[in-house]
Amino acid sequence: MRANQLRLYFSSVAYVLMCALRRLALQGSPWAEAQLATIRLRLLKIAARGAGGDSATHLG
């Protein structure tokens, strides 16, 4: 039962954070009216592109 409550808590916090992002950071942009799933997918794609850059492979 506690695992489900924790999962619900994390989901609720993530939803509130995404709503705040949309309300504060995306205000006035075309993304301000986008669905949360669309914003989440776009952020993941940006993060994947940044993580796959050449800077991560060069150590010296």
PDB file of N, CA and C in Angstrom:
ATOM      1  N   MET A   1       0.822  -1.193   0.000  1.00  0.00           N
ATOM      2  CA  MET A   1       0.000   0.000   0.000  1.00  0.00           C
ATOM      3  C   MET A   1       0.867   1.258   0.000  1.00  0.00           C
ATOM      4  N   ARG A   2       1.970   1.249   0.735  1.00  0.00           N
ATOM      5  CA  ARG A   2       2.825   2.425   0.803  1.00  0.00           C
ATOM      6  C   ARG A   2       3.487   2.725  -0.534  1.00  0.00           C
ATOM      7  N   ALA A   3       3.825   1.693  -1.282  1.00  0.00           N
ATOM      8  CA  ALA A   3       4.453   1.904  -2.576  1.00  0.00           C
ATOM      9  C   ALA A   3       3.489   2.639  -3.513  1.00  0.00           C
ATOM     10  N   ASN A   4       2.222   2.278  -3.475  1.00  0.00           N
ATOM     11  CA  ASN A   4       1.236   2.956  -4.313  1.00  0.00           C
ATOM     12  C   ASN A   4       1.045   4.400  -3.886  1.00  0.00           C
ATOM     13  N   GLN A   5       1.075   4.658  -2.590  1.00  0.00           N
ATOM     14  CA  GLN A   5       0.939   6.027  -2.104  1.00  0.00           C
ATOM     15  C   GLN A   5       2.130   6.872  -2.530  1.00  0.00           C
ATOM     16  N   LEU A   6       3.322   6.295  -2.451  1.00  0.00           N
ATOM     17  CA  LEU A   6       4.524   7.008  -2.871  1.00  0.00           C
ATOM     18  C   LEU A   6       4.483   7.298  -4.374  1.00  0.00           C
ATOM     19  N   ARG A   7       4.049   6.328  -5.156  1.00  0.00           N
ATOM     20  CA  ARG A   7       3.924   6.517  -6.600  1.00  0.00           C
ATOM     21  C   ARG A   7       2.924   7.624  -6.922  1.00  0.00           C
ATOM     22  N   LEU A   8       1.804   7.646  -6.207  1.00  0.00           N
ATOM     23  CA  LEU A   8       0.803   8.686  -6.392  1.00  0.00           C
ATOM     24  C   LEU A   8       1.369  10.049  -6.011  1.00  0.00           C
ATOM     25  N   TYR A   9       2.133  10.103  -4.926  1.00  0.00           N
ATOM     26  CA  TYR A   9       2.755  11.351  -4.498  1.00  0.00           C
ATOM     27  C   TYR A   9       3.711  11.868  -5.569  1.00  0.00           C
ATOM     28  N   PHE A  10       4.588  11.001  -6.085  1.00  0.00           N
ATOM     29  CA  PHE A  10       5.537  11.423  -7.120  1.00  0.00           C
ATOM     30  C   PHE A  10       4.814  11.897  -8.384  1.00  0.00           C
ATOM     31  N   SER A  11       3.766  11.207  -8.758  1.00  0.00           N
ATOM     32  CA  SER A  11       3.001  11.616  -9.935  1.00  0.00           C
ATOM     33  C   SER A  11       2.355  12.976  -9.720  1.00  0.00           C
ATOM     34  N   SER A  12       1.842  13.202  -8.532  1.00  0.00           N
ATOM     35  CA  SER A  12       1.214  14.491  -8.222  1.00  0.00           C
ATOM     36  C   SER A  12       2.226  15.626  -8.243  1.00  0.00           C
ATOM     37  N   VAL A  13       3.393  15.389  -7.666  1.00  0.00           N
ATOM     38  CA  VAL A  13       4.440  16.407  -7.660  1.00  0.00           C
ATOM     39  C   VAL A  13       4.897  16.707  -9.084  1.00  0.00           C
ATOM     40  N   ALA A  14       5.063  15.681  -9.899  1.00  0.00           N
ATOM     41  CA  ALA A  14       5.478  15.890 -11.284  1.00  0.00           C
ATOM     42  C   ALA A  14       4.429  16.687 -12.051  1.00  0.00           C
ATOM     43  N   TYR A  15       3.171  16.404 -11.820  1.00  0.00           N
ATOM     44  CA  TYR A  15       2.097  17.135 -12.499  1.00  0.00           C
ATOM     45  C   TYR A  15       2.104  18.608 -12.095  1.00  0.00           C
ATOM     46  N   VAL A  16       2.265  18.881 -10.808  1.00  0.00           N
ATOM     47  CA  VAL A  16       2.288  20.261 -10.330  1.00  0.00           C
ATOM     48  C   VAL A  16       3.494  21.000 -10.898  1.00  0.00           C
ATOM     49  N   LEU A  17       4.649  20.347 -10.952  1.00  0.00           N
ATOM     50  CA  LEU A  17       5.843  20.978 -11.516  1.00  0.00           C
ATOM     51  C   LEU A  17       5.671  21.296 -13.004  1.00  0.00           C
ATOM     52  N   MET A  18       5.078  20.373 -13.742  1.00  0.00           N
ATOM     53  CA  MET A  18       4.873  20.613 -15.167  1.00  0.00           C
ATOM     54  C   MET A  18       3.863  21.734 -15.396  1.00  0.00           C
ATOM     55  N   CYS A  19       2.833  21.801 -14.566  1.00  0.00           N
ATOM     56  CA  CYS A  19       1.861  22.902 -14.680  1.00  0.00           C
ATOM     57  C   CYS A  19       2.528  24.237 -14.373  1.00  0.00           C
ATOM     58  N   ALA A  20       3.404  24.253 -13.374  1.00  0.00           N
ATOM     59  CA  ALA A  20       4.126  25.482 -13.043  1.00  0.00           C
ATOM     60  C   ALA A  20       5.066  25.870 -14.178  1.00  0.00           C
ATOM     61  N   LEU A  21       5.725  24.907 -14.785  1.00  0.00           N
ATOM     62  CA  LEU A  21       6.597  25.183 -15.923  1.00  0.00           C
ATOM     63  C   LEU A  21       5.801  25.799 -17.055  1.00  0.00           C
ATOM     64  N   ARG A  22       4.667  25.228 -17.340  1.00  0.00           N
ATOM     65  CA  ARG A  22       3.837  25.740 -18.431  1.00  0.00           C
ATOM     66  C   ARG A  22       3.324  27.142 -18.117  1.00  0.00           C
ATOM     67  N   ARG A  23       2.947  27.378 -16.870  1.00  0.00           N
ATOM     68  CA  ARG A  23       2.381  28.670 -16.478  1.00  0.00           C
ATOM     69  C   ARG A  23       3.451  29.761 -16.411  1.00  0.00           C
ATOM     70  N   LEU A  24       4.638  29.441 -15.912  1.00  0.00           N
ATOM     71  CA  LEU A  24       5.661  30.457 -15.682  1.00  0.00           C
ATOM     72  C   LEU A  24       6.663  30.585 -16.836  1.00  0.00           C
ATOM     73  N   ALA A  25       7.248  29.470 -17.247  1.00  0.00           N
ATOM     74  CA  ALA A  25       8.328  29.518 -18.221  1.00  0.00           C
ATOM     75  C   ALA A  25       7.837  29.572 -19.662  1.00  0.00           C
ATOM     76  N   LEU A  26       6.703  29.000 -19.942  1.00  0.00           N
ATOM     77  CA  LEU A  26       6.235  28.910 -21.325  1.00  0.00           C
ATOM     78  C   LEU A  26       5.158  29.937 -21.644  1.00  0.00           C
ATOM     79  N   GLN A  27       4.934  30.853 -20.738  1.00  0.00           N
ATOM     80  CA  GLN A  27       3.890  31.867 -20.931  1.00  0.00           C
ATOM     81  C   GLN A  27       4.194  32.710 -22.168  1.00  0.00           C
ATOM     82  N   GLY A  28       3.212  32.849 -23.022  1.00  0.00           N
ATOM     83  CA  GLY A  28       3.358  33.653 -24.228  1.00  0.00           C
ATOM     84  C   GLY A  28       3.981  32.919 -25.399  1.00  0.00           C
ATOM     85  N   SER A  29       4.335  31.657 -25.232  1.00  0.00           N
ATOM     86  CA  SER A  29       4.911  30.884 -26.333  1.00  0.00           C
ATOM     87  C   SER A  29       3.863  29.913 -26.867  1.00  0.00           C
ATOM     88  N   PRO A  30       4.105  29.346 -28.034  1.00  0.00           N
ATOM     89  CA  PRO A  30       3.153  28.356 -28.565  1.00  0.00           C
ATOM     90  C   PRO A  30       3.034  27.117 -27.672  1.00  0.00           C
ATOM     91  N   TRP A  31       4.030  26.851 -26.853  1.00  0.00           N
ATOM     92  CA  TRP A  31       4.026  25.687 -25.979  1.00  0.00           C
ATOM     93  C   TRP A  31       3.181  25.900 -24.733  1.00  0.00           C
ATOM     94  N   ALA A  32       2.722  27.122 -24.486  1.00  0.00           N
ATOM     95  CA  ALA A  32       1.942  27.413 -23.279  1.00  0.00           C
ATOM     96  C   ALA A  32       0.621  26.649 -23.250  1.00  0.00           C
ATOM     97  N   GLU A  33       0.083  26.320 -24.397  1.00  0.00           N
ATOM     98  CA  GLU A  33      -1.189  25.597 -24.475  1.00  0.00           C
ATOM     99  C   GLU A  33      -1.010  24.126 -24.822  1.00  0.00           C
ATOM    100  N   ALA A  34       0.244  23.666 -24.895  1.00  0.00           N
ATOM    101  CA  ALA A  34       0.504  22.266 -25.249  1.00  0.00           C
ATOM    102  C   ALA A  34       0.133  21.347 -24.089  1.00  0.00           C
ATOM    103  N   GLN A  35      -0.168  20.114 -24.422  1.00  0.00           N
ATOM    104  CA  GLN A  35      -0.467  19.130 -23.391  1.00  0.00           C
ATOM    105  C   GLN A  35       0.818  18.771 -22.656  1.00  0.00           C
ATOM    106  N   LEU A  36       0.670  18.343 -21.411  1.00  0.00           N
ATOM    107  CA  LEU A  36       1.840  18.015 -20.600  1.00  0.00           C
ATOM    108  C   LEU A  36       2.666  16.888 -21.214  1.00  0.00           C
ATOM    109  N   ALA A  37       2.024  15.931 -21.817  1.00  0.00           N
ATOM    110  CA  ALA A  37       2.756  14.822 -22.436  1.00  0.00           C
ATOM    111  C   ALA A  37       3.623  15.320 -23.593  1.00  0.00           C
ATOM    112  N   THR A  38       3.137  16.291 -24.339  1.00  0.00           N
ATOM    113  CA  THR A  38       3.904  16.855 -25.453  1.00  0.00           C
ATOM    114  C   THR A  38       5.120  17.608 -24.934  1.00  0.00           C
ATOM    115  N   ILE A  39       4.937  18.391 -23.882  1.00  0.00           N
ATOM    116  CA  ILE A  39       6.054  19.136 -23.299  1.00  0.00           C
ATOM    117  C   ILE A  39       7.092  18.171 -22.738  1.00  0.00           C
ATOM    118  N   ARG A  40       6.634  17.132 -22.031  1.00  0.00           N
ATOM    119  CA  ARG A  40       7.540  16.141 -21.452  1.00  0.00           C
ATOM    120  C   ARG A  40       8.355  15.447 -22.541  1.00  0.00           C
ATOM    121  N   LEU A  41       7.708  15.058 -23.634  1.00  0.00           N
ATOM    122  CA  LEU A  41       8.409  14.395 -24.728  1.00  0.00           C
ATOM    123  C   LEU A  41       9.449  15.315 -25.348  1.00  0.00           C
ATOM    124  N   ARG A  42       9.090  16.571 -25.538  1.00  0.00           N
ATOM    125  CA  ARG A  42      10.036  17.534 -26.134  1.00  0.00           C
ATOM    126  C   ARG A  42      11.245  17.746 -25.222  1.00  0.00           C
ATOM    127  N   LEU A  43      11.022  17.839 -23.911  1.00  0.00           N
ATOM    128  CA  LEU A  43      12.131  17.994 -22.967  1.00  0.00           C
ATOM    129  C   LEU A  43      13.035  16.768 -22.974  1.00  0.00           C
ATOM    130  N   LEU A  44      12.450  15.573 -23.069  1.00  0.00           N
ATOM    131  CA  LEU A  44      13.257  14.362 -23.130  1.00  0.00           C
ATOM    132  C   LEU A  44      14.098  14.306 -24.393  1.00  0.00           C
ATOM    133  N   LYS A  45      13.543  14.759 -25.508  1.00  0.00           N
ATOM    134  CA  LYS A  45      14.294  14.772 -26.759  1.00  0.00           C
ATOM    135  C   LYS A  45      15.448  15.761 -26.690  1.00  0.00           C
ATOM    136  N   ILE A  46      15.215  16.914 -26.074  1.00  0.00           N
ATOM    137  CA  ILE A  46      16.281  17.903 -25.925  1.00  0.00           C
ATOM    138  C   ILE A  46      17.384  17.340 -25.025  1.00  0.00           C
ATOM    139  N   ALA A  47      17.000  16.692 -23.925  1.00  0.00           N
ATOM    140  CA  ALA A  47      17.983  16.112 -23.016  1.00  0.00           C
ATOM    141  C   ALA A  47      18.780  15.002 -23.692  1.00  0.00           C
ATOM    142  N   ALA A  48      18.118  14.189 -24.503  1.00  0.00           N
ATOM    143  CA  ALA A  48      18.808  13.099 -25.201  1.00  0.00           C
ATOM    144  C   ALA A  48      19.792  13.661 -26.223  1.00  0.00           C
ATOM    145  N   ARG A  49      19.411  14.724 -26.882  1.00  0.00           N
ATOM    146  CA  ARG A  49      20.300  15.345 -27.855  1.00  0.00           C
ATOM    147  C   ARG A  49      21.523  15.926 -27.150  1.00  0.00           C
ATOM    148  N   GLY A  50      21.324  16.535 -25.987  1.00  0.00           N
ATOM    149  CA  GLY A  50      22.435  17.106 -25.232  1.00  0.00           C
ATOM    150  C   GLY A  50      23.339  16.044 -24.657  1.00  0.00           C
ATOM    151  N   ALA A  51      22.771  14.929 -24.220  1.00  0.00           N
ATOM    152  CA  ALA A  51      23.567  13.862 -23.639  1.00  0.00           C
ATOM    153  C   ALA A  51      24.350  13.092 -24.704  1.00  0.00           C
ATOM    154  N   GLY A  52      23.901  13.136 -25.923  1.00  0.00           N
ATOM    155  CA  GLY A  52      24.579  12.399 -26.981  1.00  0.00           C
ATOM    156  C   GLY A  52      25.634  13.214 -27.715  1.00  0.00           C
ATOM    157  N   GLY A  53      25.945  14.391 -27.218  1.00  0.00           N
ATOM    158  CA  GLY A  53      26.920  15.257 -27.884  1.00  0.00           C
ATOM    159  C   GLY A  53      28.344  14.769 -27.766  1.00  0.00           C
ATOM    160  N   ASP A  54      29.219  15.363 -28.549  1.00  0.00           N
ATOM    161  CA  ASP A  54      30.636  14.973 -28.550  1.00  0.00           C
ATOM    162  C   ASP A  54      31.334  15.322 -27.250  1.00  0.00           C
ATOM    163  N   SER A  55      30.862  16.326 -26.541  1.00  0.00           N
ATOM    164  CA  SER A  55      31.530  16.737 -25.322  1.00  0.00           C
ATOM    165  C   SER A  55      31.524  15.638 -24.263  1.00  0.00           C
ATOM    166  N   ALA A  56      30.555  14.760 -24.305  1.00  0.00           N
ATOM    167  CA  ALA A  56      30.481  13.686 -23.321  1.00  0.00           C
ATOM    168  C   ALA A  56      31.473  12.568 -23.634  1.00  0.00           C
ATOM    169  N   THR A  57      31.952  12.475 -24.874  1.00  0.00           N
ATOM    170  CA  THR A  57      32.843  11.388 -25.244  1.00  0.00           C
ATOM    171  C   THR A  57      34.302  11.777 -25.142  1.00  0.00           C
ATOM    172  N   HIS A  58      34.624  13.059 -25.130  1.00  0.00           N
ATOM    173  CA  HIS A  58      36.015  13.503 -25.040  1.00  0.00           C
ATOM    174  C   HIS A  58      36.383  13.720 -23.581  1.00  0.00           C
ATOM    175  N   LEU A  59      37.403  13.026 -23.148  1.00  0.00           N
ATOM    176  CA  LEU A  59      37.820  13.143 -21.753  1.00  0.00           C
ATOM    177  C   LEU A  59      39.054  14.016 -21.602  1.00  0.00           C
ATOM    178  N   GLY A  60      39.754  14.289 -22.636  1.00  0.00           N
ATOM    179  CA  GLY A  60      41.006  15.024 -22.434  1.00  0.00           C
ATOM    180  C   GLY A  60      41.175  16.035 -23.451  1.00  0.00           C
TER     181      GLY A  60
END
